[in-house]
C-alpha atoms as a PDB file:
ATOM      1  CA  UNK A   1      56.914  22.940 106.676  1.00  0.00           C
ATOM      2  CA  UNK A   2      53.651  24.943 107.831  1.00  0.00           C
ATOM      3  CA  UNK A   3      50.365  23.325 107.941  1.00  0.00           C
ATOM      4  CA  UNK A   4      47.654  24.783 105.868  1.00  0.00           C
ATOM      5  CA  UNK A   5      45.283  27.013 107.705  1.00  0.00           C
ATOM      6  CA  UNK A   6      42.182  24.915 107.092  1.00  0.00           C
ATOM      7  CA  UNK A   7      43.912  22.245 109.163  1.00  0.00           C
ATOM      8  CA  UNK A   8      43.719  24.497 112.343  1.00  0.00           C
ATOM      9  CA  UNK A   9      40.130  25.819 111.651  1.00  0.00           C
ATOM     10  CA  UNK A  10      41.173  29.312 110.032  1.00  0.00           C
ATOM     11  CA  UNK A  11      40.364  30.020 106.695  1.00  0.00           C
ATOM     12  CA  UNK A  12      42.143  32.536 104.281  1.00  0.00           C
ATOM     13  CA  UNK A  13      39.047  34.895 104.118  1.00  0.00           C
ATOM     14  CA  UNK A  14      39.114  35.184 108.156  1.00  0.00           C
ATOM     15  CA  UNK A  15      40.600  38.628 108.619  1.00  0.00           C
ATOM     16  CA  UNK A  16      39.917  38.515 112.301  1.00  0.00           C
ATOM     17  CA  UNK A  17      38.861  35.926 114.694  1.00  0.00           C
ATOM     18  CA  UNK A  18      37.914  36.140 118.219  1.00  0.00           C
ATOM     19  CA  UNK A  19      39.849  34.884 120.985  1.00  0.00           C
ATOM     20  CA  UNK A  20      37.952  31.534 121.443  1.00  0.00           C
ATOM     21  CA  UNK A  21      38.620  30.767 117.976  1.00  0.00           C
ATOM     22  CA  UNK A  22      42.235  31.328 118.192  1.00  0.00           C
ATOM     23  CA  UNK A  23      42.607  29.468 121.286  1.00  0.00           C
ATOM     24  CA  UNK A  24      41.009  26.435 119.242  1.00  0.00           C
ATOM     25  CA  UNK A  25      43.239  27.189 116.338  1.00  0.00           C
ATOM     26  CA  UNK A  26      46.173  27.140 118.522  1.00  0.00           C
ATOM     27  CA  UNK A  27      45.276  23.689 120.306  1.00  0.00           C
ATOM     28  CA  UNK A  28      44.534  22.201 116.955  1.00  0.00           C
ATOM     29  CA  UNK A  29      48.020  23.468 115.898  1.00  0.00           C
ATOM     30  CA  UNK A  30      49.481  21.566 118.928  1.00  0.00           C
ATOM     31  CA  UNK A  31      48.356  18.251 117.324  1.00  0.00           C
ATOM     32  CA  UNK A  32      49.978  18.950 114.275  1.00  0.00           C
ATOM     33  CA  UNK A  33      53.104  19.986 115.795  1.00  0.00           C
ATOM     34  CA  UNK A  34      52.985  16.910 117.926  1.00  0.00           C
ATOM     35  CA  UNK A  35      52.419  14.598 114.763  1.00  0.00           C
ATOM     36  CA  UNK A  36      55.009  16.199 112.642  1.00  0.00           C
ATOM     37  CA  UNK A  37      57.787  16.134 115.437  1.00  0.00           C
ATOM     38  CA  UNK A  38      56.733  12.758 117.029  1.00  0.00           C
ATOM     39  CA  UNK A  39      56.247  14.177 120.384  1.00  0.00           C
ATOM     40  CA  UNK A  40      53.606  13.984 123.030  1.00  0.00           C
ATOM     41  CA  UNK A  41      50.754  16.547 122.456  1.00  0.00           C
ATOM     42  CA  UNK A  42      51.095  17.640 126.132  1.00  0.00           C
ATOM     43  CA  UNK A  43      54.481  18.832 125.539  1.00  0.00           C
ATOM     44  CA  UNK A  44      53.628  21.456 122.983  1.00  0.00           C
ATOM     45  CA  UNK A  45      51.636  24.826 123.209  1.00  0.00           C
ATOM     46  CA  UNK A  46      50.476  24.375 126.844  1.00  0.00           C
ATOM     47  CA  UNK A  47      47.405  26.244 127.891  1.00  0.00           C
ATOM     48  CA  UNK A  48      49.327  28.752 129.759  1.00  0.00           C
ATOM     49  CA  UNK A  49      51.554  29.429 126.572  1.00  0.00           C
ATOM     50  CA  UNK A  50      48.489  29.686 124.803  1.00  0.00           C
ATOM     51  CA  UNK A  51      46.994  32.258 127.573  1.00  0.00           C
ATOM     52  CA  UNK A  52      50.219  34.218 127.213  1.00  0.00           C
ATOM     53  CA  UNK A  53      50.370  34.354 123.436  1.00  0.00           C
ATOM     54  CA  UNK A  54      46.812  35.877 123.393  1.00  0.00           C
ATOM     55  CA  UNK A  55      47.468  38.276 126.167  1.00  0.00           C
ATOM     56  CA  UNK A  56      50.980  39.371 125.100  1.00  0.00           C
ATOM     57  CA  UNK A  57      50.422  39.248 121.534  1.00  0.00           C
ATOM     58  CA  UNK A  58      54.066  38.654 120.358  1.00  0.00           C
ATOM     59  CA  UNK A  59      54.447  39.899 116.748  1.00  0.00           C
ATOM     60  CA  UNK A  60      57.886  38.750 115.691  1.00  0.00           C
ATOM     61  CA  UNK A  61      59.889  35.384 115.815  1.00  0.00           C
ATOM     62  CA  UNK A  62      62.023  37.147 118.623  1.00  0.00           C
ATOM     63  CA  UNK A  63      59.247  38.630 120.795  1.00  0.00           C
ATOM     64  CA  UNK A  64      57.608  34.963 120.471  1.00  0.00           C
ATOM     65  CA  UNK A  65      60.660  33.184 121.811  1.00  0.00           C
ATOM     66  CA  UNK A  66      60.493  35.103 125.167  1.00  0.00           C
ATOM     67  CA  UNK A  67      57.425  32.801 126.155  1.00  0.00           C
ATOM     68  CA  UNK A  68      58.673  30.537 129.066  1.00  0.00           C
ATOM     69  CA  UNK A  69      57.976  27.214 126.961  1.00  0.00           C
ATOM     70  CA  UNK A  70      59.959  28.559 124.278  1.00  0.00           C
ATOM     71  CA  UNK A  71      62.894  29.769 126.125  1.00  0.00           C
ATOM     72  CA  UNK A  72      62.934  26.300 127.506  1.00  0.00           C
ATOM     73  CA  UNK A  73      62.948  24.362 124.345  1.00  0.00           C
ATOM     74  CA  UNK A  74      62.899  26.414 121.263  1.00  0.00           C
ATOM     75  CA  UNK A  75      62.435  23.262 118.967  1.00  0.00           C
ATOM     76  CA  UNK A  76      58.836  22.880 120.379  1.00  0.00           C
ATOM     77  CA  UNK A  77      57.767  25.629 117.882  1.00  0.00           C
ATOM     78  CA  UNK A  78      60.603  25.590 115.494  1.00  0.00           C
ATOM     79  CA  UNK A  79      59.154  25.764 111.719  1.00  0.00           C
ATOM     80  CA  UNK A  80      55.786  26.979 113.089  1.00  0.00           C
ATOM     81  CA  UNK A  81      56.619  30.389 114.333  1.00  0.00           C
ATOM     82  CA  UNK A  82      55.175  32.201 111.473  1.00  0.00           C
ATOM     83  CA  UNK A  83      51.771  30.473 111.947  1.00  0.00           C
ATOM     84  CA  UNK A  84      51.383  31.019 115.581  1.00  0.00           C
ATOM     85  CA  UNK A  85      52.352  34.882 114.753  1.00  0.00           C
ATOM     86  CA  UNK A  86      49.687  34.820 112.106  1.00  0.00           C
ATOM     87  CA  UNK A  87      46.863  33.318 114.384  1.00  0.00           C
ATOM     88  CA  UNK A  88      48.048  35.993 116.954  1.00  0.00           C
ATOM     89  CA  UNK A  89      47.738  38.839 114.610  1.00  0.00           C
ATOM     90  CA  UNK A  90      44.273  37.714 113.161  1.00  0.00           C
ATOM     91  CA  UNK A  91      42.880  37.948 116.777  1.00  0.00           C
ATOM     92  CA  UNK A  92      40.700  40.535 117.889  1.00  0.00           C
ATOM     93  CA  UNK A  93      41.698  42.610 120.923  1.00  0.00           C
ATOM     94  CA  UNK A  94      38.280  41.637 122.702  1.00  0.00           C
END
């Protein structure tokens, strides 16, 4: 069950977003995932994970799961992989 884009601050019309907007969107997604899975918010999408995602820009689920947080606990991101990849894909290089 993927959240709608507007819930994390990205509109359908946003073709590219800057890194700061992407960070904010991923931090909002952290809250959505925590609520959905009944987990503490600090246990999902750590700040260093968000930085890793924006620096390494994985484009596939397999590449996404190479992140340290997800190699330890894949269930943290389960069901939300595609939206994370979409946010990263829309993020400008600069």
